């Protein structure tokens, strides 16, 4: 196996996952326009960042055990589609579930190549 390919397969899902978490976290910024006061804004921000915190925990686990990242991110993609079906335009499903599925698939590929060694 090409060591350069393995290095790419190792880092690509982790970098994409971090970018995905940042992207999802940006949606929490709308709480600052609500003029709720400090404590209510802080609570609303924490509530909006729950998916990001959850994905950070998955990323920490997946950094060591890629198969966990594969299962969890593909599971998150399916959960998002089931939970929000009919609420958004189809592009929201492509961006959110598609990205989570790609990250999960890349973690599975990395796990497969690591196991093959």
PDB file of N, CA and C in Angstrom:
ATOM      1  N   UNK A   1       0.837  -1.177   0.000  1.00  0.00           N
ATOM      2  CA  UNK A   1       0.000   0.000   0.000  1.00  0.00           C
ATOM      3  C   UNK A   1       0.885   1.244   0.000  1.00  0.00           C
ATOM      4  N   UNK A   2       0.434   2.224  -0.726  1.00  0.00           N
ATOM      5  CA  UNK A   2       1.151   3.484  -0.837  1.00  0.00           C
ATOM      6  C   UNK A   2       1.018   4.274   0.468  1.00  0.00           C
ATOM      7  N   UNK A   3       2.132   4.627   1.136  1.00  0.00           N
ATOM      8  CA  UNK A   3       2.042   5.353   2.411  1.00  0.00           C
ATOM      9  C   UNK A   3       1.435   6.748   2.250  1.00  0.00           C
ATOM     10  N   UNK A   4       1.643   7.367   1.084  1.00  0.00           N
ATOM     11  CA  UNK A   4       1.055   8.691   0.846  1.00  0.00           C
ATOM     12  C   UNK A   4      -0.467   8.585   0.770  1.00  0.00           C
ATOM     13  N   UNK A   5      -0.968   7.540   0.137  1.00  0.00           N
ATOM     14  CA  UNK A   5      -2.410   7.323   0.051  1.00  0.00           C
ATOM     15  C   UNK A   5      -2.997   7.088   1.434  1.00  0.00           C
ATOM     16  N   UNK A   6      -2.311   6.311   2.248  1.00  0.00           N
ATOM     17  CA  UNK A   6      -2.799   6.047   3.596  1.00  0.00           C
ATOM     18  C   UNK A   6      -2.834   7.333   4.429  1.00  0.00           C
ATOM     19  N   UNK A   7      -1.839   8.191   4.257  1.00  0.00           N
ATOM     20  CA  UNK A   7      -1.812   9.451   4.988  1.00  0.00           C
ATOM     21  C   UNK A   7      -2.993  10.339   4.580  1.00  0.00           C
ATOM     22  N   UNK A   8      -3.318  10.348   3.299  1.00  0.00           N
ATOM     23  CA  UNK A   8      -4.469  11.120   2.827  1.00  0.00           C
ATOM     24  C   UNK A   8      -5.755  10.540   3.386  1.00  0.00           C
ATOM     25  N   UNK A   9      -5.874   9.214   3.322  1.00  0.00           N
ATOM     26  CA  UNK A   9      -7.076   8.552   3.842  1.00  0.00           C
ATOM     27  C   UNK A   9      -7.182   8.732   5.361  1.00  0.00           C
ATOM     28  N   UNK A  10      -6.072   8.852   6.043  1.00  0.00           N
ATOM     29  CA  UNK A  10      -6.093   9.065   7.483  1.00  0.00           C
ATOM     30  C   UNK A  10      -6.597  10.473   7.827  1.00  0.00           C
ATOM     31  N   UNK A  11      -6.065  11.492   7.139  1.00  0.00           N
ATOM     32  CA  UNK A  11      -6.378  12.869   7.504  1.00  0.00           C
ATOM     33  C   UNK A  11      -7.643  13.430   6.874  1.00  0.00           C
ATOM     34  N   UNK A  12      -8.026  12.956   5.720  1.00  0.00           N
ATOM     35  CA  UNK A  12      -9.170  13.534   5.012  1.00  0.00           C
ATOM     36  C   UNK A  12     -10.472  13.485   5.807  1.00  0.00           C
ATOM     37  N   UNK A  13     -10.881  12.355   6.395  1.00  0.00           N
ATOM     38  CA  UNK A  13     -12.138  12.390   7.156  1.00  0.00           C
ATOM     39  C   UNK A  13     -12.059  13.270   8.401  1.00  0.00           C
ATOM     40  N   UNK A  14     -10.911  13.349   9.012  1.00  0.00           N
ATOM     41  CA  UNK A  14     -10.778  14.173  10.216  1.00  0.00           C
ATOM     42  C   UNK A  14     -10.893  15.655   9.881  1.00  0.00           C
ATOM     43  N   UNK A  15     -10.235  16.076   8.807  1.00  0.00           N
ATOM     44  CA  UNK A  15     -10.308  17.480   8.386  1.00  0.00           C
ATOM     45  C   UNK A  15     -11.717  17.822   7.908  1.00  0.00           C
ATOM     46  N   UNK A  16     -12.313  16.947   7.106  1.00  0.00           N
ATOM     47  CA  UNK A  16     -13.690  17.192   6.655  1.00  0.00           C
ATOM     48  C   UNK A  16     -14.655  17.240   7.828  1.00  0.00           C
ATOM     49  N   UNK A  17     -14.444  16.404   8.812  1.00  0.00           N
ATOM     50  CA  UNK A  17     -15.306  16.386   9.995  1.00  0.00           C
ATOM     51  C   UNK A  17     -15.189  17.699  10.770  1.00  0.00           C
ATOM     52  N   UNK A  18     -13.992  18.199  10.940  1.00  0.00           N
ATOM     53  CA  UNK A  18     -13.801  19.474  11.629  1.00  0.00           C
ATOM     54  C   UNK A  18     -14.473  20.604  10.856  1.00  0.00           C
ATOM     55  N   UNK A  19     -14.311  20.624   9.545  1.00  0.00           N
ATOM     56  CA  UNK A  19     -14.968  21.645   8.728  1.00  0.00           C
ATOM     57  C   UNK A  19     -16.486  21.517   8.795  1.00  0.00           C
ATOM     58  N   UNK A  20     -16.983  20.298   8.821  1.00  0.00           N
ATOM     59  CA  UNK A  20     -18.420  20.053   8.921  1.00  0.00           C
ATOM     60  C   UNK A  20     -18.959  20.549  10.267  1.00  0.00           C
ATOM     61  N   UNK A  21     -18.229  20.319  11.342  1.00  0.00           N
ATOM     62  CA  UNK A  21     -18.643  20.791  12.659  1.00  0.00           C
ATOM     63  C   UNK A  21     -18.671  22.322  12.687  1.00  0.00           C
ATOM     64  N   UNK A  22     -17.676  22.951  12.087  1.00  0.00           N
ATOM     65  CA  UNK A  22     -17.667  24.421  12.016  1.00  0.00           C
ATOM     66  C   UNK A  22     -18.863  24.914  11.212  1.00  0.00           C
ATOM     67  N   UNK A  23     -19.164  24.255  10.098  1.00  0.00           N
ATOM     68  CA  UNK A  23     -20.306  24.630   9.260  1.00  0.00           C
ATOM     69  C   UNK A  23     -21.619  24.516  10.036  1.00  0.00           C
ATOM     70  N   UNK A  24     -21.813  23.406  10.721  1.00  0.00           N
ATOM     71  CA  UNK A  24     -23.034  23.204  11.506  1.00  0.00           C
ATOM     72  C   UNK A  24     -23.112  24.209  12.646  1.00  0.00           C
ATOM     73  N   UNK A  25     -21.982  24.527  13.242  1.00  0.00           N
ATOM     74  CA  UNK A  25     -21.960  25.462  14.367  1.00  0.00           C
ATOM     75  C   UNK A  25     -22.332  26.880  13.943  1.00  0.00           C
ATOM     76  N   UNK A  26     -22.094  27.216  12.703  1.00  0.00           N
ATOM     77  CA  UNK A  26     -22.441  28.561  12.228  1.00  0.00           C
ATOM     78  C   UNK A  26     -23.943  28.825  12.302  1.00  0.00           C
ATOM     79  N   UNK A  27     -24.766  27.791  12.234  1.00  0.00           N
ATOM     80  CA  UNK A  27     -26.203  27.974  12.324  1.00  0.00           C
ATOM     81  C   UNK A  27     -26.642  28.412  13.722  1.00  0.00           C
ATOM     82  N   UNK A  28     -25.798  28.235  14.709  1.00  0.00           N
ATOM     83  CA  UNK A  28     -26.130  28.642  16.071  1.00  0.00           C
ATOM     84  C   UNK A  28     -25.988  30.149  16.269  1.00  0.00           C
ATOM     85  N   UNK A  29     -25.353  30.815  15.342  1.00  0.00           N
ATOM     86  CA  UNK A  29     -25.121  32.251  15.500  1.00  0.00           C
ATOM     87  C   UNK A  29     -26.392  33.084  15.384  1.00  0.00           C
ATOM     88  N   UNK A  30     -27.480  32.503  14.915  1.00  0.00           N
ATOM     89  CA  UNK A  30     -28.712  33.274  14.788  1.00  0.00           C
ATOM     90  C   UNK A  30     -29.314  33.653  16.137  1.00  0.00           C
ATOM     91  N   UNK A  31     -28.877  33.024  17.224  1.00  0.00           N
ATOM     92  CA  UNK A  31     -29.411  33.357  18.547  1.00  0.00           C
ATOM     93  C   UNK A  31     -29.000  34.759  18.990  1.00  0.00           C
ATOM     94  N   UNK A  32     -27.928  35.299  18.425  1.00  0.00           N
ATOM     95  CA  UNK A  32     -27.473  36.624  18.838  1.00  0.00           C
ATOM     96  C   UNK A  32     -28.383  37.735  18.313  1.00  0.00           C
ATOM     97  N   UNK A  33     -29.182  37.454  17.312  1.00  0.00           N
ATOM     98  CA  UNK A  33     -30.110  38.450  16.793  1.00  0.00           C
ATOM     99  C   UNK A  33     -31.451  38.463  17.491  1.00  0.00           C
ATOM    100  N   UNK A  34     -31.643  37.583  18.443  1.00  0.00           N
ATOM    101  CA  UNK A  34     -32.934  37.452  19.123  1.00  0.00           C
ATOM    102  C   UNK A  34     -33.135  38.452  20.259  1.00  0.00           C
ATOM    103  N   UNK A  35     -32.065  39.079  20.752  1.00  0.00           N
ATOM    104  CA  UNK A  35     -32.124  40.028  21.862  1.00  0.00           C
ATOM    105  C   UNK A  35     -32.832  39.425  23.082  1.00  0.00           C
ATOM    106  N   UNK A  36     -32.323  38.291  23.531  1.00  0.00           N
ATOM    107  CA  UNK A  36     -32.924  37.560  24.645  1.00  0.00           C
ATOM    108  C   UNK A  36     -32.333  37.915  26.000  1.00  0.00           C
ATOM    109  N   UNK A  37     -31.284  38.637  26.039  1.00  0.00           N
ATOM    110  CA  UNK A  37     -30.565  38.856  27.292  1.00  0.00           C
ATOM    111  C   UNK A  37     -29.409  37.872  27.369  1.00  0.00           C
ATOM    112  N   UNK A  38     -28.493  38.136  28.284  1.00  0.00           N
ATOM    113  CA  UNK A  38     -27.270  37.346  28.333  1.00  0.00           C
ATOM    114  C   UNK A  38     -27.530  35.877  28.639  1.00  0.00           C
ATOM    115  N   UNK A  39     -28.240  35.564  29.722  1.00  0.00           N
ATOM    116  CA  UNK A  39     -28.398  34.174  30.144  1.00  0.00           C
ATOM    117  C   UNK A  39     -29.266  33.373  29.184  1.00  0.00           C
ATOM    118  N   UNK A  40     -30.320  33.980  28.668  1.00  0.00           N
ATOM    119  CA  UNK A  40     -31.169  33.263  27.708  1.00  0.00           C
ATOM    120  C   UNK A  40     -30.442  33.048  26.393  1.00  0.00           C
ATOM    121  N   UNK A  41     -29.631  34.025  26.004  1.00  0.00           N
ATOM    122  CA  UNK A  41     -28.827  33.861  24.786  1.00  0.00           C
ATOM    123  C   UNK A  41     -27.798  32.757  24.969  1.00  0.00           C
ATOM    124  N   UNK A  42     -27.172  32.724  26.133  1.00  0.00           N
ATOM    125  CA  UNK A  42     -26.195  31.670  26.421  1.00  0.00           C
ATOM    126  C   UNK A  42     -26.855  30.296  26.408  1.00  0.00           C
ATOM    127  N   UNK A  43     -28.040  30.193  26.992  1.00  0.00           N
ATOM    128  CA  UNK A  43     -28.776  28.932  26.989  1.00  0.00           C
ATOM    129  C   UNK A  43     -29.181  28.535  25.565  1.00  0.00           C
ATOM    130  N   UNK A  44     -29.673  29.502  24.796  1.00  0.00           N
ATOM    131  CA  UNK A  44     -30.065  29.217  23.414  1.00  0.00           C
ATOM    132  C   UNK A  44     -28.857  28.795  22.577  1.00  0.00           C
ATOM    133  N   UNK A  45     -27.729  29.441  22.801  1.00  0.00           N
ATOM    134  CA  UNK A  45     -26.508  29.068  22.078  1.00  0.00           C
ATOM    135  C   UNK A  45     -26.088  27.646  22.426  1.00  0.00           C
ATOM    136  N   UNK A  46     -26.144  27.304  23.707  1.00  0.00           N
ATOM    137  CA  UNK A  46     -25.791  25.941  24.120  1.00  0.00           C
ATOM    138  C   UNK A  46     -26.740  24.921  23.494  1.00  0.00           C
ATOM    139  N   UNK A  47     -28.019  25.252  23.439  1.00  0.00           N
ATOM    140  CA  UNK A  47     -28.998  24.337  22.834  1.00  0.00           C
ATOM    141  C   UNK A  47     -28.728  24.155  21.337  1.00  0.00           C
ATOM    142  N   UNK A  48     -28.384  25.241  20.649  1.00  0.00           N
ATOM    143  CA  UNK A  48     -28.116  25.156  19.218  1.00  0.00           C
ATOM    144  C   UNK A  48     -26.814  24.415  18.911  1.00  0.00           C
ATOM    145  N   UNK A  49     -25.902  24.393  19.874  1.00  0.00           N
ATOM    146  CA  UNK A  49     -24.611  23.747  19.646  1.00  0.00           C
ATOM    147  C   UNK A  49     -24.583  22.278  20.081  1.00  0.00           C
ATOM    148  N   UNK A  50     -25.688  21.739  20.551  1.00  0.00           N
ATOM    149  CA  UNK A  50     -25.738  20.329  20.957  1.00  0.00           C
ATOM    150  C   UNK A  50     -25.301  19.395  19.824  1.00  0.00           C
ATOM    151  N   UNK A  51     -25.788  19.561  18.575  1.00  0.00           N
ATOM    152  CA  UNK A  51     -25.292  18.674  17.506  1.00  0.00           C
ATOM    153  C   UNK A  51     -23.780  18.785  17.301  1.00  0.00           C
ATOM    154  N   UNK A  52     -23.246  19.994  17.428  1.00  0.00           N
ATOM    155  CA  UNK A  52     -21.797  20.171  17.262  1.00  0.00           C
ATOM    156  C   UNK A  52     -21.028  19.478  18.382  1.00  0.00           C
ATOM    157  N   UNK A  53     -21.509  19.603  19.620  1.00  0.00           N
ATOM    158  CA  UNK A  53     -20.856  18.924  20.736  1.00  0.00           C
ATOM    159  C   UNK A  53     -20.896  17.414  20.541  1.00  0.00           C
ATOM    160  N   UNK A  54     -22.034  16.916  20.080  1.00  0.00           N
ATOM    161  CA  UNK A  54     -22.189  15.486  19.827  1.00  0.00           C
ATOM    162  C   UNK A  54     -21.195  15.012  18.758  1.00  0.00           C
ATOM    163  N   UNK A  55     -21.066  15.795  17.678  1.00  0.00           N
ATOM    164  CA  UNK A  55     -20.126  15.417  16.615  1.00  0.00           C
ATOM    165  C   UNK A  55     -18.679  15.520  17.072  1.00  0.00           C
ATOM    166  N   UNK A  56     -18.378  16.451  17.981  1.00  0.00           N
ATOM    167  CA  UNK A  56     -17.022  16.540  18.522  1.00  0.00           C
ATOM    168  C   UNK A  56     -16.689  15.277  19.317  1.00  0.00           C
ATOM    169  N   UNK A  57     -17.645  14.801  20.096  1.00  0.00           N
ATOM    170  CA  UNK A  57     -17.430  13.560  20.854  1.00  0.00           C
ATOM    171  C   UNK A  57     -17.203  12.387  19.902  1.00  0.00           C
ATOM    172  N   UNK A  58     -18.000  12.314  18.837  1.00  0.00           N
ATOM    173  CA  UNK A  58     -17.822  11.243  17.850  1.00  0.00           C
ATOM    174  C   UNK A  58     -16.448  11.350  17.188  1.00  0.00           C
ATOM    175  N   UNK A  59     -16.029  12.572  16.860  1.00  0.00           N
ATOM    176  CA  UNK A  59     -14.725  12.767  16.231  1.00  0.00           C
ATOM    177  C   UNK A  59     -13.602  12.325  17.162  1.00  0.00           C
ATOM    178  N   UNK A  60     -13.710  12.627  18.438  1.00  0.00           N
ATOM    179  CA  UNK A  60     -12.686  12.202  19.397  1.00  0.00           C
ATOM    180  C   UNK A  60     -12.584  10.674  19.418  1.00  0.00           C
ATOM    181  N   UNK A  61     -13.736  10.012  19.433  1.00  0.00           N
ATOM    182  CA  UNK A  61     -13.720   8.540  19.414  1.00  0.00           C
ATOM    183  C   UNK A  61     -13.210   8.001  18.077  1.00  0.00           C
ATOM    184  N   UNK A  62     -13.640   8.649  16.989  1.00  0.00           N
ATOM    185  CA  UNK A  62     -13.254   8.178  15.656  1.00  0.00           C
ATOM    186  C   UNK A  62     -11.782   8.422  15.354  1.00  0.00           C
ATOM    187  N   UNK A  63     -11.174   9.354  16.055  1.00  0.00           N
ATOM    188  CA  UNK A  63      -9.758   9.621  15.819  1.00  0.00           C
ATOM    189  C   UNK A  63      -8.932   8.376  16.136  1.00  0.00           C
ATOM    190  N   UNK A  64      -9.379   7.625  17.109  1.00  0.00           N
ATOM    191  CA  UNK A  64      -8.673   6.398  17.494  1.00  0.00           C
ATOM    192  C   UNK A  64      -9.261   5.167  16.825  1.00  0.00           C
ATOM    193  N   UNK A  65     -10.586   5.087  16.789  1.00  0.00           N
ATOM    194  CA  UNK A  65     -11.293   3.935  16.232  1.00  0.00           C
ATOM    195  C   UNK A  65     -12.153   4.404  15.064  1.00  0.00           C
ATOM    196  N   UNK A  66     -11.629   4.250  13.865  1.00  0.00           N
ATOM    197  CA  UNK A  66     -12.293   4.766  12.677  1.00  0.00           C
ATOM    198  C   UNK A  66     -13.671   4.142  12.435  1.00  0.00           C
ATOM    199  N   UNK A  67     -13.834   2.891  12.809  1.00  0.00           N
ATOM    200  CA  UNK A  67     -15.114   2.225  12.565  1.00  0.00           C
ATOM    201  C   UNK A  67     -16.239   2.894  13.355  1.00  0.00           C
ATOM    202  N   UNK A  68     -15.940   3.464  14.513  1.00  0.00           N
ATOM    203  CA  UNK A  68     -16.956   4.194  15.270  1.00  0.00           C
ATOM    204  C   UNK A  68     -17.395   5.428  14.498  1.00  0.00           C
ATOM    205  N   UNK A  69     -16.438   6.136  13.926  1.00  0.00           N
ATOM    206  CA  UNK A  69     -16.770   7.307  13.111  1.00  0.00           C
ATOM    207  C   UNK A  69     -17.594   6.934  11.899  1.00  0.00           C
ATOM    208  N   UNK A  70     -17.255   5.813  11.274  1.00  0.00           N
ATOM    209  CA  UNK A  70     -18.026   5.358  10.119  1.00  0.00           C
ATOM    210  C   UNK A  70     -19.470   5.063  10.472  1.00  0.00           C
ATOM    211  N   UNK A  71     -19.673   4.324  11.538  1.00  0.00           N
ATOM    212  CA  UNK A  71     -21.028   3.962  11.949  1.00  0.00           C
ATOM    213  C   UNK A  71     -21.802   5.197  12.399  1.00  0.00           C
ATOM    214  N   UNK A  72     -21.208   6.013  13.234  1.00  0.00           N
ATOM    215  CA  UNK A  72     -21.916   7.153  13.824  1.00  0.00           C
ATOM    216  C   UNK A  72     -22.250   8.224  12.793  1.00  0.00           C
ATOM    217  N   UNK A  73     -21.322   8.539  11.888  1.00  0.00           N
ATOM    218  CA  UNK A  73     -21.614   9.595  10.929  1.00  0.00           C
ATOM    219  C   UNK A  73     -22.625   9.144   9.875  1.00  0.00           C
ATOM    220  N   UNK A  74     -22.566   7.914   9.469  1.00  0.00           N
ATOM    221  CA  UNK A  74     -23.604   7.416   8.555  1.00  0.00           C
ATOM    222  C   UNK A  74     -24.937   7.337   9.291  1.00  0.00           C
ATOM    223  N   UNK A  75     -24.899   6.951  10.555  1.00  0.00           N
ATOM    224  CA  UNK A  75     -26.114   6.961  11.368  1.00  0.00           C
ATOM    225  C   UNK A  75     -26.685   8.356  11.536  1.00  0.00           C
ATOM    226  N   UNK A  76     -25.813   9.352  11.736  1.00  0.00           N
ATOM    227  CA  UNK A  76     -26.283  10.734  11.826  1.00  0.00           C
ATOM    228  C   UNK A  76     -26.921  11.197  10.523  1.00  0.00           C
ATOM    229  N   UNK A  77     -26.359  10.788   9.404  1.00  0.00           N
ATOM    230  CA  UNK A  77     -26.932  11.157   8.107  1.00  0.00           C
ATOM    231  C   UNK A  77     -28.335  10.585   7.954  1.00  0.00           C
ATOM    232  N   UNK A  78     -28.499   9.335   8.310  1.00  0.00           N
ATOM    233  CA  UNK A  78     -29.822   8.699   8.224  1.00  0.00           C
ATOM    234  C   UNK A  78     -30.783   9.350   9.213  1.00  0.00           C
ATOM    235  N   UNK A  79     -30.318   9.600  10.432  1.00  0.00           N
ATOM    236  CA  UNK A  79     -31.160  10.238  11.445  1.00  0.00           C
ATOM    237  C   UNK A  79     -31.641  11.605  10.975  1.00  0.00           C
ATOM    238  N   UNK A  80     -30.753  12.399  10.379  1.00  0.00           N
ATOM    239  CA  UNK A  80     -31.130  13.733   9.922  1.00  0.00           C
ATOM    240  C   UNK A  80     -32.214  13.657   8.851  1.00  0.00           C
ATOM    241  N   UNK A  81     -32.076  12.728   7.923  1.00  0.00           N
ATOM    242  CA  UNK A  81     -33.086  12.590   6.872  1.00  0.00           C
ATOM    243  C   UNK A  81     -34.428  12.179   7.471  1.00  0.00           C
ATOM    244  N   UNK A  82     -34.429  11.208   8.366  1.00  0.00           N
ATOM    245  CA  UNK A  82     -35.672  10.743   8.980  1.00  0.00           C
ATOM    246  C   UNK A  82     -36.301  11.837   9.839  1.00  0.00           C
ATOM    247  N   UNK A  83     -35.492  12.510  10.642  1.00  0.00           N
ATOM    248  CA  UNK A  83     -35.982  13.511  11.569  1.00  0.00           C
ATOM    249  C   UNK A  83     -36.541  14.752  10.865  1.00  0.00           C
ATOM    250  N   UNK A  84     -35.914  15.172   9.784  1.00  0.00           N
ATOM    251  CA  UNK A  84     -36.297  16.433   9.153  1.00  0.00           C
ATOM    252  C   UNK A  84     -36.956  16.262   7.791  1.00  0.00           C
ATOM    253  N   UNK A  85     -37.434  15.079   7.484  1.00  0.00           N
ATOM    254  CA  UNK A  85     -38.011  14.835   6.168  1.00  0.00           C
ATOM    255  C   UNK A  85     -39.191  15.770   5.910  1.00  0.00           C
ATOM    256  N   UNK A  86     -39.136  16.480   4.800  1.00  0.00           N
ATOM    257  CA  UNK A  86     -40.211  17.369   4.395  1.00  0.00           C
ATOM    258  C   UNK A  86     -40.135  18.766   4.986  1.00  0.00           C
ATOM    259  N   UNK A  87     -39.185  19.036   5.858  1.00  0.00           N
ATOM    260  CA  UNK A  87     -39.076  20.354   6.492  1.00  0.00           C
ATOM    261  C   UNK A  87     -38.224  21.325   5.685  1.00  0.00           C
ATOM    262  N   UNK A  88     -37.306  20.801   4.895  1.00  0.00           N
ATOM    263  CA  UNK A  88     -36.339  21.643   4.204  1.00  0.00           C
ATOM    264  C   UNK A  88     -36.304  21.291   2.718  1.00  0.00           C
ATOM    265  N   UNK A  89     -35.619  22.136   1.978  1.00  0.00           N
ATOM    266  CA  UNK A  89     -35.370  21.875   0.565  1.00  0.00           C
ATOM    267  C   UNK A  89     -34.420  20.685   0.438  1.00  0.00           C
ATOM    268  N   UNK A  90     -34.453  20.022  -0.704  1.00  0.00           N
ATOM    269  CA  UNK A  90     -33.634  18.820  -0.886  1.00  0.00           C
ATOM    270  C   UNK A  90     -32.141  19.119  -0.782  1.00  0.00           C
ATOM    271  N   UNK A  91     -31.735  20.363  -1.046  1.00  0.00           N
ATOM    272  CA  UNK A  91     -30.309  20.703  -0.960  1.00  0.00           C
ATOM    273  C   UNK A  91     -29.800  20.642   0.491  1.00  0.00           C
ATOM    274  N   UNK A  92     -30.683  20.896   1.445  1.00  0.00           N
ATOM    275  CA  UNK A  92     -30.274  20.779   2.852  1.00  0.00           C
ATOM    276  C   UNK A  92     -29.905  19.339   3.164  1.00  0.00           C
ATOM    277  N   UNK A  93     -30.658  18.398   2.620  1.00  0.00           N
ATOM    278  CA  UNK A  93     -30.348  16.983   2.841  1.00  0.00           C
ATOM    279  C   UNK A  93     -29.036  16.599   2.169  1.00  0.00           C
ATOM    280  N   UNK A  94     -28.788  17.167   0.994  1.00  0.00           N
ATOM    281  CA  UNK A  94     -27.540  16.868   0.290  1.00  0.00           C
ATOM    282  C   UNK A  94     -26.349  17.380   1.084  1.00  0.00           C
ATOM    283  N   UNK A  95     -26.421  18.621   1.551  1.00  0.00           N
ATOM    284  CA  UNK A  95     -25.290  19.196   2.272  1.00  0.00           C
ATOM    285  C   UNK A  95     -25.075  18.550   3.632  1.00  0.00           C
ATOM    286  N   UNK A  96     -26.138  18.365   4.394  1.00  0.00           N
ATOM    287  CA  UNK A  96     -25.979  17.847   5.753  1.00  0.00           C
ATOM    288  C   UNK A  96     -25.757  16.331   5.731  1.00  0.00           C
ATOM    289  N   UNK A  97     -26.709  15.598   5.187  1.00  0.00           N
ATOM    290  CA  UNK A  97     -26.589  14.131   5.183  1.00  0.00           C
ATOM    291  C   UNK A  97     -25.500  13.647   4.236  1.00  0.00           C
ATOM    292  N   UNK A  98     -25.345  14.331   3.130  1.00  0.00           N
ATOM    293  CA  UNK A  98     -24.307  13.934   2.183  1.00  0.00           C
ATOM    294  C   UNK A  98     -22.913  14.078   2.772  1.00  0.00           C
ATOM    295  N   UNK A  99     -22.680  15.197   3.435  1.00  0.00           N
ATOM    296  CA  UNK A  99     -21.367  15.409   4.047  1.00  0.00           C
ATOM    297  C   UNK A  99     -21.112  14.411   5.165  1.00  0.00           C
ATOM    298  N   UNK A 100     -22.125  14.186   5.994  1.00  0.00           N
ATOM    299  CA  UNK A 100     -21.965  13.207   7.078  1.00  0.00           C
ATOM    300  C   UNK A 100     -21.714  11.807   6.518  1.00  0.00           C
ATOM    301  N   UNK A 101     -22.387  11.457   5.433  1.00  0.00           N
ATOM    302  CA  UNK A 101     -22.180  10.143   4.811  1.00  0.00           C
ATOM    303  C   UNK A 101     -20.772  10.013   4.233  1.00  0.00           C
ATOM    304  N   UNK A 102     -20.287  11.063   3.605  1.00  0.00           N
ATOM    305  CA  UNK A 102     -18.931  11.030   3.037  1.00  0.00           C
ATOM    306  C   UNK A 102     -17.901  10.890   4.148  1.00  0.00           C
ATOM    307  N   UNK A 103     -18.077  11.643   5.223  1.00  0.00           N
ATOM    308  CA  UNK A 103     -17.151  11.535   6.360  1.00  0.00           C
ATOM    309  C   UNK A 103     -17.178  10.114   6.927  1.00  0.00           C
ATOM    310  N   UNK A 104     -18.375   9.561   7.104  1.00  0.00           N
ATOM    311  CA  UNK A 104     -18.497   8.192   7.610  1.00  0.00           C
ATOM    312  C   UNK A 104     -17.855   7.175   6.686  1.00  0.00           C
ATOM    313  N   UNK A 105     -18.078   7.329   5.386  1.00  0.00           N
ATOM    314  CA  UNK A 105     -17.484   6.406   4.417  1.00  0.00           C
ATOM    315  C   UNK A 105     -15.956   6.509   4.433  1.00  0.00           C
ATOM    316  N   UNK A 106     -15.431   7.724   4.557  1.00  0.00           N
ATOM    317  CA  UNK A 106     -13.979   7.888   4.610  1.00  0.00           C
ATOM    318  C   UNK A 106     -13.388   7.282   5.883  1.00  0.00           C
ATOM    319  N   UNK A 107     -14.108   7.393   6.987  1.00  0.00           N
ATOM    320  CA  UNK A 107     -13.636   6.722   8.210  1.00  0.00           C
ATOM    321  C   UNK A 107     -13.627   5.208   8.019  1.00  0.00           C
ATOM    322  N   UNK A 108     -14.647   4.666   7.352  1.00  0.00           N
ATOM    323  CA  UNK A 108     -14.665   3.226   7.078  1.00  0.00           C
ATOM    324  C   UNK A 108     -13.511   2.814   6.172  1.00  0.00           C
ATOM    325  N   UNK A 109     -13.225   3.614   5.158  1.00  0.00           N
ATOM    326  CA  UNK A 109     -12.110   3.303   4.251  1.00  0.00           C
ATOM    327  C   UNK A 109     -10.792   3.322   5.015  1.00  0.00           C
ATOM    328  N   UNK A 110     -10.611   4.335   5.861  1.00  0.00           N
ATOM    329  CA  UNK A 110      -9.392   4.401   6.673  1.00  0.00           C
ATOM    330  C   UNK A 110      -9.269   3.214   7.609  1.00  0.00           C
ATOM    331  N   UNK A 111     -10.385   2.801   8.199  1.00  0.00           N
ATOM    332  CA  UNK A 111     -10.378   1.635   9.093  1.00  0.00           C
ATOM    333  C   UNK A 111     -10.033   0.371   8.318  1.00  0.00           C
ATOM    334  N   UNK A 112     -10.592   0.233   7.111  1.00  0.00           N
ATOM    335  CA  UNK A 112     -10.322  -0.942   6.284  1.00  0.00           C
ATOM    336  C   UNK A 112      -8.837  -1.038   5.945  1.00  0.00           C
ATOM    337  N   UNK A 113      -8.236   0.083   5.517  1.00  0.00           N
ATOM    338  CA  UNK A 113      -6.821   0.049   5.159  1.00  0.00           C
ATOM    339  C   UNK A 113      -5.924  -0.141   6.367  1.00  0.00           C
ATOM    340  N   UNK A 114      -6.324   0.402   7.514  1.00  0.00           N
ATOM    341  CA  UNK A 114      -5.537   0.199   8.733  1.00  0.00           C
ATOM    342  C   UNK A 114      -5.614  -1.266   9.161  1.00  0.00           C
ATOM    343  N   UNK A 115      -6.796  -1.848   9.032  1.00  0.00           N
ATOM    344  CA  UNK A 115      -6.980  -3.259   9.396  1.00  0.00           C
ATOM    345  C   UNK A 115      -6.211  -4.165   8.427  1.00  0.00           C
ATOM    346  N   UNK A 116      -6.102  -3.756   7.183  1.00  0.00           N
ATOM    347  CA  UNK A 116      -5.429  -4.549   6.166  1.00  0.00           C
ATOM    348  C   UNK A 116      -3.921  -4.623   6.393  1.00  0.00           C
ATOM    349  N   UNK A 117      -3.368  -3.614   7.066  1.00  0.00           N
ATOM    350  CA  UNK A 117      -1.922  -3.581   7.304  1.00  0.00           C
ATOM    351  C   UNK A 117      -1.489  -4.664   8.244  1.00  0.00           C
TER     352      UNK A 117
END
